[in-house]
Amino acid sequence: MDETKVMEILAQILQNQTEIKVELKQEIHELVGKLEMRLENEVIEKIRGLYDDRQLHNETTLNIIGALNRMETKLDVRQLETAHFRRVK
């Protein structure tokens, strides 16, 4: 083979490598974009779940506090009744 033929082959190899490099960069960019979107969606879903759990926890806590307040009121009434009963004896 003569030198020009070798140079043409090397030039073709270099051109093919450059094309492959560009294609790989595009594919990597697309895959990273898809991965970012998927992660973002998963994170949003998990944050939504945490927020819902927090809301449920707050509602449960408010219900418990309300029940305790009602029981405290009833207990106060019973203490007053008991004190009155003791005075009457």
N, C-alpha and C. Protein backbone atom coordinates (compact mmCIF):
# COMPACT_ATOMS: atom_id res chain seq x y z
N MET A 1 0.85 -1.18 0.00
CA MET A 1 0.00 0.00 0.00
C MET A 1 0.88 1.23 0.00
N ASP A 2 0.39 2.18 -0.69
CA ASP A 2 1.18 3.41 -0.70
C ASP A 2 0.71 4.36 0.39
N GLU A 3 1.46 5.39 0.60
CA GLU A 3 1.23 6.31 1.72
C GLU A 3 -0.10 7.05 1.61
N THR A 4 -0.54 7.40 0.42
CA THR A 4 -1.83 8.09 0.26
C THR A 4 -2.99 7.20 0.65
N LYS A 5 -2.89 5.95 0.33
CA LYS A 5 -3.97 5.01 0.68
C LYS A 5 -4.06 4.89 2.21
N VAL A 6 -2.93 4.77 2.89
CA VAL A 6 -2.89 4.68 4.33
C VAL A 6 -3.46 5.96 4.95
N MET A 7 -3.11 7.10 4.41
CA MET A 7 -3.62 8.38 4.91
C MET A 7 -5.13 8.48 4.73
N GLU A 8 -5.65 8.01 3.60
CA GLU A 8 -7.09 8.02 3.37
C GLU A 8 -7.81 7.12 4.38
N ILE A 9 -7.24 5.96 4.65
CA ILE A 9 -7.83 5.03 5.62
C ILE A 9 -7.82 5.66 7.02
N LEU A 10 -6.72 6.26 7.39
CA LEU A 10 -6.62 6.92 8.69
C LEU A 10 -7.61 8.09 8.79
N ALA A 11 -7.76 8.82 7.72
CA ALA A 11 -8.72 9.94 7.71
C ALA A 11 -10.15 9.41 7.87
N GLN A 12 -10.46 8.30 7.20
CA GLN A 12 -11.78 7.69 7.32
C GLN A 12 -12.02 7.19 8.75
N ILE A 13 -10.99 6.57 9.35
CA ILE A 13 -11.11 6.10 10.73
C ILE A 13 -11.36 7.27 11.67
N LEU A 14 -10.62 8.34 11.48
CA LEU A 14 -10.79 9.54 12.31
C LEU A 14 -12.18 10.12 12.16
N GLN A 15 -12.69 10.16 10.94
CA GLN A 15 -14.04 10.69 10.70
C GLN A 15 -15.08 9.79 11.37
N ASN A 16 -14.92 8.48 11.28
CA ASN A 16 -15.85 7.55 11.92
C ASN A 16 -15.83 7.71 13.44
N GLN A 17 -14.66 7.86 14.01
CA GLN A 17 -14.55 8.06 15.45
C GLN A 17 -15.23 9.36 15.88
N THR A 18 -15.06 10.40 15.09
CA THR A 18 -15.70 11.68 15.40
C THR A 18 -17.21 11.55 15.35
N GLU A 19 -17.73 10.86 14.35
CA GLU A 19 -19.18 10.65 14.24
C GLU A 19 -19.69 9.83 15.42
N ILE A 20 -18.98 8.78 15.78
CA ILE A 20 -19.37 7.95 16.91
C ILE A 20 -19.36 8.78 18.19
N LYS A 21 -18.35 9.62 18.36
CA LYS A 21 -18.25 10.47 19.54
C LYS A 21 -19.45 11.40 19.65
N VAL A 22 -19.84 12.00 18.55
CA VAL A 22 -20.99 12.91 18.54
C VAL A 22 -22.27 12.15 18.87
N GLU A 23 -22.45 10.98 18.28
CA GLU A 23 -23.64 10.17 18.54
C GLU A 23 -23.71 9.74 20.00
N LEU A 24 -22.57 9.33 20.55
CA LEU A 24 -22.54 8.92 21.96
C LEU A 24 -22.86 10.09 22.89
N LYS A 25 -22.34 11.26 22.58
CA LYS A 25 -22.65 12.44 23.40
C LYS A 25 -24.14 12.73 23.38
N GLN A 26 -24.77 12.63 22.21
CA GLN A 26 -26.21 12.87 22.10
C GLN A 26 -27.00 11.83 22.89
N GLU A 27 -26.62 10.57 22.77
CA GLU A 27 -27.32 9.51 23.49
C GLU A 27 -27.16 9.68 25.00
N ILE A 28 -25.95 10.01 25.43
CA ILE A 28 -25.71 10.23 26.86
C ILE A 28 -26.54 11.40 27.34
N HIS A 29 -26.60 12.48 26.58
CA HIS A 29 -27.39 13.64 26.97
C HIS A 29 -28.87 13.28 27.09
N GLU A 30 -29.39 12.50 26.15
CA GLU A 30 -30.79 12.07 26.21
C GLU A 30 -31.05 11.19 27.43
N LEU A 31 -30.14 10.24 27.67
CA LEU A 31 -30.31 9.34 28.81
C LEU A 31 -30.23 10.09 30.14
N VAL A 32 -29.33 11.04 30.24
CA VAL A 32 -29.23 11.84 31.47
C VAL A 32 -30.50 12.65 31.67
N GLY A 33 -31.04 13.20 30.60
CA GLY A 33 -32.30 13.95 30.69
C GLY A 33 -33.44 13.07 31.17
N LYS A 34 -33.53 11.87 30.63
CA LYS A 34 -34.57 10.94 31.06
C LYS A 34 -34.39 10.54 32.52
N LEU A 35 -33.15 10.30 32.91
CA LEU A 35 -32.85 9.91 34.28
C LEU A 35 -33.19 11.05 35.25
N GLU A 36 -32.86 12.28 34.88
CA GLU A 36 -33.19 13.42 35.72
C GLU A 36 -34.70 13.56 35.88
N MET A 37 -35.44 13.38 34.80
CA MET A 37 -36.89 13.48 34.85
C MET A 37 -37.47 12.40 35.75
N ARG A 38 -36.95 11.19 35.61
CA ARG A 38 -37.45 10.07 36.42
C ARG A 38 -37.16 10.31 37.90
N LEU A 39 -35.94 10.74 38.22
CA LEU A 39 -35.59 11.02 39.60
C LEU A 39 -36.44 12.15 40.16
N GLU A 40 -36.66 13.17 39.36
CA GLU A 40 -37.48 14.30 39.80
C GLU A 40 -38.90 13.83 40.12
N ASN A 41 -39.46 13.00 39.26
CA ASN A 41 -40.81 12.48 39.49
C ASN A 41 -40.86 11.62 40.76
N GLU A 42 -39.84 10.79 40.96
CA GLU A 42 -39.81 9.94 42.15
C GLU A 42 -39.68 10.79 43.41
N VAL A 43 -38.84 11.81 43.36
CA VAL A 43 -38.65 12.67 44.53
C VAL A 43 -39.94 13.42 44.84
N ILE A 44 -40.60 13.93 43.82
CA ILE A 44 -41.87 14.63 44.02
C ILE A 44 -42.90 13.70 44.65
N GLU A 45 -42.96 12.46 44.16
CA GLU A 45 -43.91 11.49 44.71
C GLU A 45 -43.61 11.19 46.18
N LYS A 46 -42.34 11.05 46.51
CA LYS A 46 -41.96 10.76 47.89
C LYS A 46 -42.23 11.96 48.80
N ILE A 47 -41.98 13.16 48.31
CA ILE A 47 -42.26 14.36 49.10
C ILE A 47 -43.77 14.48 49.33
N ARG A 48 -44.55 14.18 48.31
CA ARG A 48 -46.00 14.22 48.45
C ARG A 48 -46.46 13.21 49.51
N GLY A 49 -45.85 12.03 49.50
CA GLY A 49 -46.18 11.02 50.50
C GLY A 49 -45.84 11.49 51.91
N LEU A 50 -44.68 12.12 52.06
CA LEU A 50 -44.29 12.65 53.37
C LEU A 50 -45.24 13.74 53.82
N TYR A 51 -45.65 14.61 52.89
CA TYR A 51 -46.58 15.69 53.23
C TYR A 51 -47.92 15.10 53.67
N ASP A 52 -48.42 14.10 52.93
CA ASP A 52 -49.69 13.47 53.30
C ASP A 52 -49.59 12.82 54.67
N ASP A 53 -48.46 12.15 54.94
CA ASP A 53 -48.27 11.52 56.24
C ASP A 53 -48.24 12.56 57.35
N ARG A 54 -47.60 13.69 57.08
CA ARG A 54 -47.54 14.77 58.07
C ARG A 54 -48.94 15.31 58.35
N GLN A 55 -49.72 15.49 57.31
CA GLN A 55 -51.09 15.97 57.48
C GLN A 55 -51.90 14.99 58.33
N LEU A 56 -51.78 13.72 58.03
CA LEU A 56 -52.50 12.69 58.79
C LEU A 56 -52.05 12.70 60.25
N HIS A 57 -50.75 12.83 60.46
CA HIS A 57 -50.21 12.89 61.82
C HIS A 57 -50.76 14.10 62.57
N ASN A 58 -50.80 15.25 61.90
CA ASN A 58 -51.34 16.46 62.54
C ASN A 58 -52.82 16.31 62.89
N GLU A 59 -53.59 15.73 61.98
CA GLU A 59 -55.01 15.53 62.25
C GLU A 59 -55.22 14.58 63.42
N THR A 60 -54.43 13.50 63.46
CA THR A 60 -54.53 12.55 64.56
C THR A 60 -54.17 13.22 65.88
N THR A 61 -53.12 14.02 65.87
CA THR A 61 -52.70 14.74 67.08
C THR A 61 -53.79 15.69 67.55
N LEU A 62 -54.41 16.40 66.62
CA LEU A 62 -55.50 17.31 67.00
C LEU A 62 -56.68 16.55 67.58
N ASN A 63 -56.99 15.39 67.02
CA ASN A 63 -58.08 14.56 67.55
C ASN A 63 -57.76 14.10 68.97
N ILE A 64 -56.53 13.69 69.20
CA ILE A 64 -56.13 13.24 70.54
C ILE A 64 -56.20 14.39 71.53
N ILE A 65 -55.71 15.56 71.12
CA ILE A 65 -55.77 16.73 72.01
C ILE A 65 -57.21 17.09 72.34
N GLY A 66 -58.08 17.02 71.35
CA GLY A 66 -59.50 17.30 71.59
C GLY A 66 -60.11 16.31 72.57
N ALA A 67 -59.78 15.02 72.39
CA ALA A 67 -60.30 14.01 73.30
C ALA A 67 -59.77 14.22 74.72
N LEU A 68 -58.51 14.57 74.84
CA LEU A 68 -57.93 14.83 76.16
C LEU A 68 -58.59 16.05 76.81
N ASN A 69 -58.87 17.07 76.04
CA ASN A 69 -59.54 18.25 76.58
C ASN A 69 -60.94 17.91 77.09
N ARG A 70 -61.66 17.08 76.33
CA ARG A 70 -63.00 16.67 76.76
C ARG A 70 -62.91 15.83 78.05
N MET A 71 -61.93 14.95 78.10
CA MET A 71 -61.78 14.11 79.30
C MET A 71 -61.38 14.97 80.50
N GLU A 72 -60.56 15.97 80.27
CA GLU A 72 -60.15 16.86 81.36
C GLU A 72 -61.35 17.64 81.89
N THR A 73 -62.20 18.09 80.98
CA THR A 73 -63.40 18.81 81.39
C THR A 73 -64.31 17.91 82.21
N LYS A 74 -64.51 16.67 81.74
CA LYS A 74 -65.34 15.72 82.48
C LYS A 74 -64.74 15.43 83.85
N LEU A 75 -63.43 15.29 83.90
CA LEU A 75 -62.76 15.03 85.17
C LEU A 75 -62.94 16.20 86.13
N ASP A 76 -62.85 17.42 85.63
CA ASP A 76 -63.08 18.60 86.47
C ASP A 76 -64.49 18.60 87.04
N VAL A 77 -65.47 18.24 86.20
CA VAL A 77 -66.86 18.19 86.67
C VAL A 77 -67.00 17.13 87.75
N ARG A 78 -66.39 15.96 87.53
CA ARG A 78 -66.47 14.89 88.53
C ARG A 78 -65.79 15.30 89.84
N GLN A 79 -64.71 16.03 89.76
CA GLN A 79 -64.03 16.49 90.98
C GLN A 79 -64.91 17.47 91.74
N LEU A 80 -65.59 18.36 90.99
CA LEU A 80 -66.50 19.30 91.65
C LEU A 80 -67.67 18.56 92.30
N GLU A 81 -68.21 17.56 91.60
CA GLU A 81 -69.31 16.78 92.16
C GLU A 81 -68.86 16.03 93.42
N THR A 82 -67.66 15.48 93.37
CA THR A 82 -67.13 14.74 94.52
C THR A 82 -66.91 15.68 95.70
N ALA A 83 -66.35 16.85 95.42
CA ALA A 83 -66.12 17.82 96.48
C ALA A 83 -67.46 18.26 97.09
N HIS A 84 -68.45 18.48 96.27
CA HIS A 84 -69.77 18.87 96.77
C HIS A 84 -70.38 17.74 97.60
N PHE A 85 -70.22 16.50 97.12
CA PHE A 85 -70.75 15.35 97.82
C PHE A 85 -70.10 15.20 99.19
N ARG A 86 -68.81 15.44 99.28
CA ARG A 86 -68.09 15.32 100.54
C ARG A 86 -68.56 16.40 101.52
N ARG A 87 -68.86 17.59 101.02
CA ARG A 87 -69.34 18.67 101.89
C ARG A 87 -70.73 18.36 102.42
N VAL A 88 -71.55 17.70 101.60
CA VAL A 88 -72.91 17.39 101.99
C VAL A 88 -72.94 16.34 103.09
N LYS A 89 -72.03 15.40 103.08
CA LYS A 89 -72.00 14.32 104.08
C LYS A 89 -71.82 14.92 105.39
